[in-house]
Structure formats: structure tokens, C-alpha cells
Amino acid sequence: MAHEPGSSRFCQRCGSHVGTLAQCPRCRAHQGFPEQPTASYATGPEPDRLRRRPPAWRRAPVLISLAVAILAFVVTWWVVTANPSRPIQNTGAGQGVAPSSPRTAPGTSGGAASATSTSTSTSTPAPTGRSSGRAARQQAEAIEELLASSSDARSSLPDALASATRCDRDAVEDIRDITVSRRDQLATAQALGVSALKGGARLKDALVDALDASHDADAAFLAWAGRHVEEGCEAPVESDRDYRRGLDRSEAAQQAKTRFAAAWRPIAETYGLTVWRPDQI
């Protein structure tokens, strides 16, 4: 039979069995109270104070944190599922949720899809309608400014040629100035930006051809005028090789100016600019 706790105690003085008695029945020696066995999880039942659940006020923070985490997960899942292409902004805690990856079409490798996505994200955005219209206007106005300068040179040439025919030495310098202006106008035309204009490449080619031929004509007239005045203006003008070259290049310039004027008219009307005629350029 199992003994109760403390039933195997013996007197420390005489060795008599005392059990749970506080005093030895033989020698009357005081024995003290029997030691209570210590409960352990391995040898006995868990004490009531350890088996009790913590009070509700101590469990509340844990429950609240768990509820918040579940709610955040549900909201994030809903946003990503509803609009996967829209990036998720950072939350108040400083953490963000990356946008979901686009689904790969059947038969397409993940690497190809990733490369396509990277290429799309790094490409330069196309200009908006407003910015494109503003760029087109600026390019048209730059051409308008160049045409005004070309018109001044064109209108001055006939008088200079007539004065050179009458042996006016000052006319040679006037033709020289016109030739230099044509050279500068040609360089400006070659550097024009026309990417925002409808038919801009064709327009620019016609203008460059016109100014190139005009510069050649002016240079030929300058060579004739200088020699004609130095020789006393006695040689016939119409038979001079440089004068005839000037006329030929002027005709080529006129043809290019006609092509340019036809392409320029709708642009000028769109932006309220001058509709230049071929004989004004």
C-alpha cells in the first residue's frame, strides 16, 4: 500500500517511527511539520495557478494585433486582385505591397515576359496631345522666322543686279551680303527640327533644296558682278558664264520653293502664320 506523504518519517533523536506526528511518542522530541512534496509537470498534476488562463485584459493586445494583421492582409489581397496594374502606395508603417506580376500568356516563357515588362517600363513616354501641339507650333514659328529672313534677301537681289549692270561698285558688296545671308539661312534650314509637324521631313527637304540653289545662284551672280565691274562693264551680261549659271540655279531654286510653298500653306493656316509665295522666299 502506498504511504501518504510524510508517513515514513522517523525521529531524529531516538529513531522511532513518528509518521506525521509533530512530536516523537517515545522521547518527546519535536519533529516539526512534514515537508510538502513539490509538484512538477513530470511527476504530478499542474498547480491550479499555472493551469488558469491569463485574464482577458492581458490577452486583448495580442487579439487586437492578430485582428489588425488579418484585416490588412484581406484589404491588400482585395486591392491587388481588383486592380493588379496599379502600384500600391506605402502604408503608414512604411511598408508597401509590390504590384502583382502580369500573367504570362500560355506558351510564353517567364523570361520573355519579364524582358517585355522591363522594356515597356524604361521606354520614353509618348508626348501628350498638348505638348505635341506646342512643339509643332514652336517648330512652325522657327520656319516662319527663317522665311522672313529669306524674303528680305530675295527682295534685295533684283535691285543689286540692276545696279551691278550699270557698273555700280557698291552693288557688288550688296550681292556679297546677300550671298552670305543665303549661306547662313541654308545652315539654319539644315538644323531645323520638324519632327512634330505633319509632313515635316518633306517640308524641310524642299526648303533646304530651295535655299541651297538660291545660295549657288547668288554666288554665281557675285562672281559675275565683281568681274563685270572690274572690266569696265563692257562685256555683254547675257553671255557671261557666271551670270547664266546664276539664272539656271535661280530656276532650280524656284521649283523647290514651289514645292515648299505647297507643303507650307496648311501649316501656316493651322498656326496663323504667313502663307509665303514661291517668289517671296
Protein backbone atom coordinates (compact mmCIF):
# COMPACT_ATOMS: atom_id res chain seq x y z
CA MET A 1 0.00 0.00 0.00
CA ALA A 2 1.30 3.41 -0.85
CA HIS A 3 2.16 5.63 2.09
CA GLU A 4 0.69 9.04 2.44
CA PRO A 5 3.12 11.90 2.18
CA GLY A 6 5.14 12.13 5.42
CA SER A 7 4.18 8.62 6.78
CA SER A 8 7.78 7.32 6.55
CA ARG A 9 9.30 9.86 8.92
CA PHE A 10 11.48 8.72 11.88
CA CYS A 11 12.61 10.56 14.96
CA GLN A 12 15.95 12.21 14.51
CA ARG A 13 16.86 11.65 18.16
CA CYS A 14 15.82 8.07 19.03
CA GLY A 15 14.94 6.64 15.61
CA SER A 16 11.37 5.79 16.50
CA HIS A 17 8.73 5.91 13.78
CA VAL A 18 6.82 9.20 14.05
CA GLY A 19 4.88 9.26 10.75
CA THR A 20 3.07 12.57 10.51
CA LEU A 21 3.33 13.39 14.25
CA ALA A 22 4.87 16.64 15.27
CA GLN A 23 6.37 15.06 18.46
CA CYS A 24 8.10 11.68 18.96
CA PRO A 25 5.87 9.45 21.16
CA ARG A 26 8.90 7.87 22.75
CA CYS A 27 11.37 10.63 23.55
CA ARG A 28 9.03 13.58 23.12
CA ALA A 29 11.40 15.27 20.72
CA HIS A 30 9.84 17.92 18.49
CA GLN A 31 9.82 16.83 14.85
CA GLY A 32 8.47 19.93 13.05
CA PHE A 33 5.93 19.81 10.23
CA PRO A 34 6.34 17.32 7.44
CA GLU A 35 7.67 18.74 4.13
CA GLN A 36 5.10 19.06 1.41
CA PRO A 37 6.14 17.47 -1.85
CA THR A 38 6.77 19.87 -4.71
CA ALA A 39 4.57 19.25 -7.73
CA SER A 40 6.25 19.09 -11.10
CA TYR A 41 4.92 18.77 -14.56
CA ALA A 42 6.72 15.48 -14.92
CA THR A 43 5.59 13.79 -11.64
CA GLY A 44 2.27 15.34 -10.73
CA PRO A 45 -0.65 17.45 -11.77
CA GLU A 46 -0.02 21.10 -12.72
CA PRO A 47 -0.95 23.55 -9.93
CA ASP A 48 -4.22 25.42 -10.37
CA ARG A 49 -2.48 28.79 -10.57
CA LEU A 50 -0.49 27.56 -13.60
CA ARG A 51 -3.48 25.94 -15.24
CA ARG A 52 -5.53 29.13 -15.10
CA ARG A 53 -5.74 31.17 -18.37
CA PRO A 54 -4.44 34.79 -18.21
CA PRO A 55 -7.14 37.39 -17.66
CA ALA A 56 -8.89 38.93 -20.68
CA TRP A 57 -7.24 42.34 -20.28
CA ARG A 58 -3.83 40.70 -20.71
CA ARG A 59 -4.93 38.81 -23.81
CA ALA A 60 -6.52 41.87 -25.52
CA PRO A 61 -3.33 43.35 -27.16
CA VAL A 62 -2.49 40.02 -28.74
CA LEU A 63 -6.00 39.59 -30.07
CA ILE A 64 -6.08 43.15 -31.44
CA SER A 65 -2.74 42.72 -33.20
CA LEU A 66 -3.92 39.46 -34.75
CA ALA A 67 -7.16 41.07 -35.95
CA VAL A 68 -5.30 44.04 -37.50
CA ALA A 69 -2.90 41.71 -39.32
CA ILE A 70 -5.77 39.67 -40.75
CA LEU A 71 -7.63 42.82 -41.84
CA ALA A 72 -4.50 44.25 -43.54
CA PHE A 73 -3.96 41.01 -45.42
CA VAL A 74 -7.58 40.92 -46.64
CA VAL A 75 -7.50 44.58 -47.79
CA THR A 76 -4.18 44.11 -49.61
CA TRP A 77 -5.38 40.97 -51.35
CA TRP A 78 -8.57 42.72 -52.45
CA VAL A 79 -6.74 45.79 -53.86
CA VAL A 80 -4.17 43.71 -55.77
CA THR A 81 -6.85 41.40 -57.16
CA ALA A 82 -9.18 44.23 -58.16
CA ASN A 83 -6.51 46.30 -59.97
CA PRO A 84 -3.23 44.39 -60.49
CA SER A 85 -1.73 47.06 -62.78
CA ARG A 86 -1.96 49.83 -60.17
CA PRO A 87 1.03 50.11 -57.79
CA ILE A 88 0.18 50.02 -54.09
CA GLN A 89 1.25 53.10 -52.16
CA ASN A 90 3.23 52.80 -48.96
CA THR A 91 1.18 52.33 -45.81
CA GLY A 92 1.60 54.34 -42.65
CA ALA A 93 4.03 51.77 -41.27
CA GLY A 94 6.37 52.44 -44.19
CA GLN A 95 5.78 49.08 -45.86
CA GLY A 96 4.45 48.81 -49.40
CA VAL A 97 2.98 45.99 -51.37
CA ALA A 98 4.52 45.49 -54.79
CA PRO A 99 2.14 45.28 -57.75
CA SER A 100 1.33 41.80 -58.87
CA SER A 101 3.26 40.45 -61.83
CA PRO A 102 1.39 40.26 -65.13
CA ARG A 103 0.21 36.80 -66.01
CA THR A 104 2.28 35.01 -68.59
CA ALA A 105 0.33 34.02 -71.65
CA PRO A 106 0.26 30.31 -72.46
CA GLY A 107 3.31 29.29 -74.42
CA THR A 108 5.30 32.39 -73.37
CA SER A 109 8.32 31.94 -71.16
CA GLY A 110 8.65 33.92 -67.97
CA GLY A 111 11.94 35.42 -69.18
CA ALA A 112 10.33 36.86 -72.30
CA ALA A 113 7.51 38.34 -70.25
CA SER A 114 10.00 39.90 -67.84
CA ALA A 115 12.05 41.39 -70.68
CA THR A 116 8.93 42.85 -72.26
CA SER A 117 7.87 44.37 -68.95
CA THR A 118 11.32 45.91 -68.40
CA SER A 119 11.43 47.32 -71.92
CA THR A 120 7.99 48.88 -71.51
CA SER A 121 8.78 50.47 -68.17
CA THR A 122 12.04 52.05 -69.36
CA SER A 123 10.75 53.40 -72.68
CA THR A 124 10.27 57.13 -73.07
CA PRO A 125 6.64 58.15 -72.59
CA ALA A 126 4.89 59.39 -75.72
CA PRO A 127 4.18 63.14 -75.66
CA THR A 128 0.67 64.18 -74.80
CA GLY A 129 -1.54 65.96 -77.31
CA ARG A 130 -0.96 69.33 -75.66
CA SER A 131 2.84 69.06 -75.53
CA SER A 132 2.97 67.73 -79.10
CA GLY A 133 0.86 70.67 -80.32
CA ARG A 134 3.09 73.14 -78.50
CA ALA A 135 6.22 71.60 -80.06
CA ALA A 136 4.67 71.75 -83.54
CA ARG A 137 3.83 75.44 -83.10
CA GLN A 138 7.38 76.24 -81.95
CA GLN A 139 8.86 74.43 -84.96
CA ALA A 140 6.48 76.22 -87.35
CA GLU A 141 7.37 79.59 -85.84
CA ALA A 142 11.10 78.84 -86.30
CA ILE A 143 10.48 78.18 -90.00
CA GLU A 144 8.42 81.39 -90.22
CA GLU A 145 11.36 83.38 -88.83
CA LEU A 146 13.72 81.83 -91.37
CA LEU A 147 11.33 82.58 -94.24
CA ALA A 148 11.14 86.23 -93.23
CA SER A 149 14.94 86.48 -93.45
CA SER A 150 14.93 84.69 -96.80
CA SER A 151 12.28 87.05 -98.14
CA ASP A 152 14.44 90.08 -97.30
CA ALA A 153 17.37 88.61 -99.23
CA ARG A 154 15.13 87.68 -102.17
CA SER A 155 13.64 91.17 -102.46
CA SER A 156 17.06 92.88 -102.38
CA LEU A 157 18.65 90.83 -105.17
CA PRO A 158 16.97 92.30 -108.32
CA ASP A 159 17.95 95.87 -107.41
CA ALA A 160 21.54 94.81 -106.66
CA LEU A 161 21.82 93.01 -110.02
CA ALA A 162 20.45 96.03 -111.87
CA SER A 163 22.94 98.33 -110.13
CA ALA A 164 25.83 95.99 -110.99
CA THR A 165 24.77 96.06 -114.66
CA ARG A 166 25.12 99.87 -114.55
CA CYS A 167 28.66 99.46 -113.17
CA ASP A 168 27.81 100.48 -109.58
CA ARG A 169 30.65 99.23 -107.40
CA ASP A 170 28.50 99.33 -104.27
CA ALA A 171 26.21 96.75 -105.88
CA VAL A 172 29.00 94.16 -105.65
CA GLU A 173 29.06 94.49 -101.85
CA ASP A 174 25.27 94.28 -101.74
CA ILE A 175 25.34 91.00 -103.68
CA ARG A 176 28.12 89.75 -101.37
CA ASP A 177 25.99 90.48 -98.30
CA ILE A 178 23.01 88.68 -99.88
CA THR A 179 25.21 85.65 -100.63
CA VAL A 180 26.45 85.48 -97.02
CA SER A 181 22.85 85.73 -95.76
CA ARG A 182 21.80 82.87 -98.04
CA ARG A 183 24.65 80.74 -96.71
CA ASP A 184 23.54 81.35 -93.10
CA GLN A 185 19.90 80.67 -93.99
CA LEU A 186 20.87 77.36 -95.58
CA ALA A 187 22.75 76.29 -92.42
CA THR A 188 19.74 77.24 -90.29
CA ALA A 189 17.37 75.27 -92.52
CA GLN A 190 19.57 72.18 -92.31
CA ALA A 191 19.39 72.32 -88.49
CA LEU A 192 15.62 72.84 -88.23
CA GLY A 193 13.58 70.46 -86.11
CA VAL A 194 10.37 69.36 -87.86
CA SER A 195 9.52 66.08 -86.11
CA ALA A 196 6.28 67.45 -84.61
CA LEU A 197 4.97 68.87 -87.91
CA LYS A 198 2.79 66.83 -90.23
CA GLY A 199 4.85 66.16 -93.35
CA GLY A 200 7.78 67.92 -91.67
CA ALA A 201 10.51 65.89 -93.40
CA ARG A 202 9.14 66.66 -96.88
CA LEU A 203 8.74 70.32 -95.95
CA LYS A 204 12.32 70.59 -94.71
CA ASP A 205 13.80 68.86 -97.76
CA ALA A 206 12.05 71.32 -100.09
CA LEU A 207 13.23 74.32 -98.08
CA VAL A 208 16.85 73.11 -97.94
CA ASP A 209 16.82 72.47 -101.70
CA ALA A 210 15.43 75.96 -102.32
CA LEU A 211 17.97 77.76 -100.15
CA ASP A 212 20.86 75.66 -101.46
CA ALA A 213 20.01 76.56 -105.05
CA SER A 214 19.47 80.22 -104.08
CA HIS A 215 22.89 80.35 -102.45
CA ASP A 216 24.50 78.86 -105.54
CA ALA A 217 22.72 81.44 -107.73
CA ASP A 218 23.79 84.36 -105.53
CA ALA A 219 27.41 83.14 -105.51
CA ALA A 220 27.37 82.93 -109.32
CA PHE A 221 25.89 86.44 -109.61
CA LEU A 222 28.57 87.71 -107.21
CA ALA A 223 31.33 86.25 -109.38
CA TRP A 224 29.83 87.88 -112.46
CA ALA A 225 29.28 91.28 -110.83
CA GLY A 226 32.84 91.50 -109.48
CA ARG A 227 34.41 90.71 -112.84
CA HIS A 228 31.91 92.84 -114.79
CA VAL A 229 32.65 95.98 -112.76
CA GLU A 230 36.41 95.42 -112.77
CA GLU A 231 36.42 95.13 -116.59
CA GLY A 232 34.55 98.41 -117.05
CA CYS A 233 31.14 96.82 -117.68
CA GLU A 234 31.88 96.40 -121.44
CA ALA A 235 31.25 92.63 -121.77
CA PRO A 236 27.67 91.58 -122.60
CA VAL A 237 25.82 90.38 -119.50
CA GLU A 238 23.64 87.66 -121.03
CA SER A 239 26.59 85.73 -122.44
CA ASP A 240 28.63 85.66 -119.21
CA ARG A 241 29.07 82.12 -117.91
CA ASP A 242 28.59 83.06 -114.22
CA TYR A 243 25.55 85.16 -114.94
CA ARG A 244 23.96 82.31 -116.90
CA ARG A 245 24.75 79.87 -114.07
CA GLY A 246 23.07 82.25 -111.67
CA LEU A 247 19.92 82.19 -113.83
CA ASP A 248 19.95 78.38 -114.04
CA ARG A 249 20.30 77.93 -110.27
CA SER A 250 17.61 80.55 -109.71
CA GLU A 251 15.23 78.44 -111.80
CA ALA A 252 16.08 75.32 -109.74
CA ALA A 253 15.50 77.33 -106.56
CA GLN A 254 12.11 78.48 -107.84
CA GLN A 255 10.98 74.90 -108.44
CA ALA A 256 12.00 73.87 -104.91
CA LYS A 257 10.27 76.96 -103.49
CA THR A 258 7.06 75.97 -105.26
CA ARG A 259 7.16 72.54 -103.62
CA PHE A 260 7.87 74.10 -100.26
CA ALA A 261 5.08 76.67 -100.54
CA ALA A 262 2.51 73.95 -101.26
CA ALA A 263 3.59 71.98 -98.17
CA TRP A 264 3.82 75.10 -96.00
CA ARG A 265 0.33 76.50 -96.69
CA PRO A 266 -1.70 74.10 -94.47
CA ILE A 267 0.80 74.51 -91.63
CA ALA A 268 0.72 78.31 -91.89
CA GLU A 269 -3.08 78.29 -91.89
CA THR A 270 -3.17 75.98 -88.85
CA TYR A 271 -0.96 78.23 -86.71
CA GLY A 272 -1.92 81.61 -88.15
CA LEU A 273 1.42 82.27 -89.89
CA THR A 274 2.31 83.88 -93.24
CA VAL A 275 1.37 81.95 -96.37
CA TRP A 276 4.54 82.66 -98.35
CA ARG A 277 4.50 82.55 -102.13
CA PRO A 278 7.41 80.95 -104.03
CA ASP A 279 8.61 84.31 -105.41
CA GLN A 280 8.82 85.71 -101.85
CA ILE A 281 11.22 83.11 -100.44
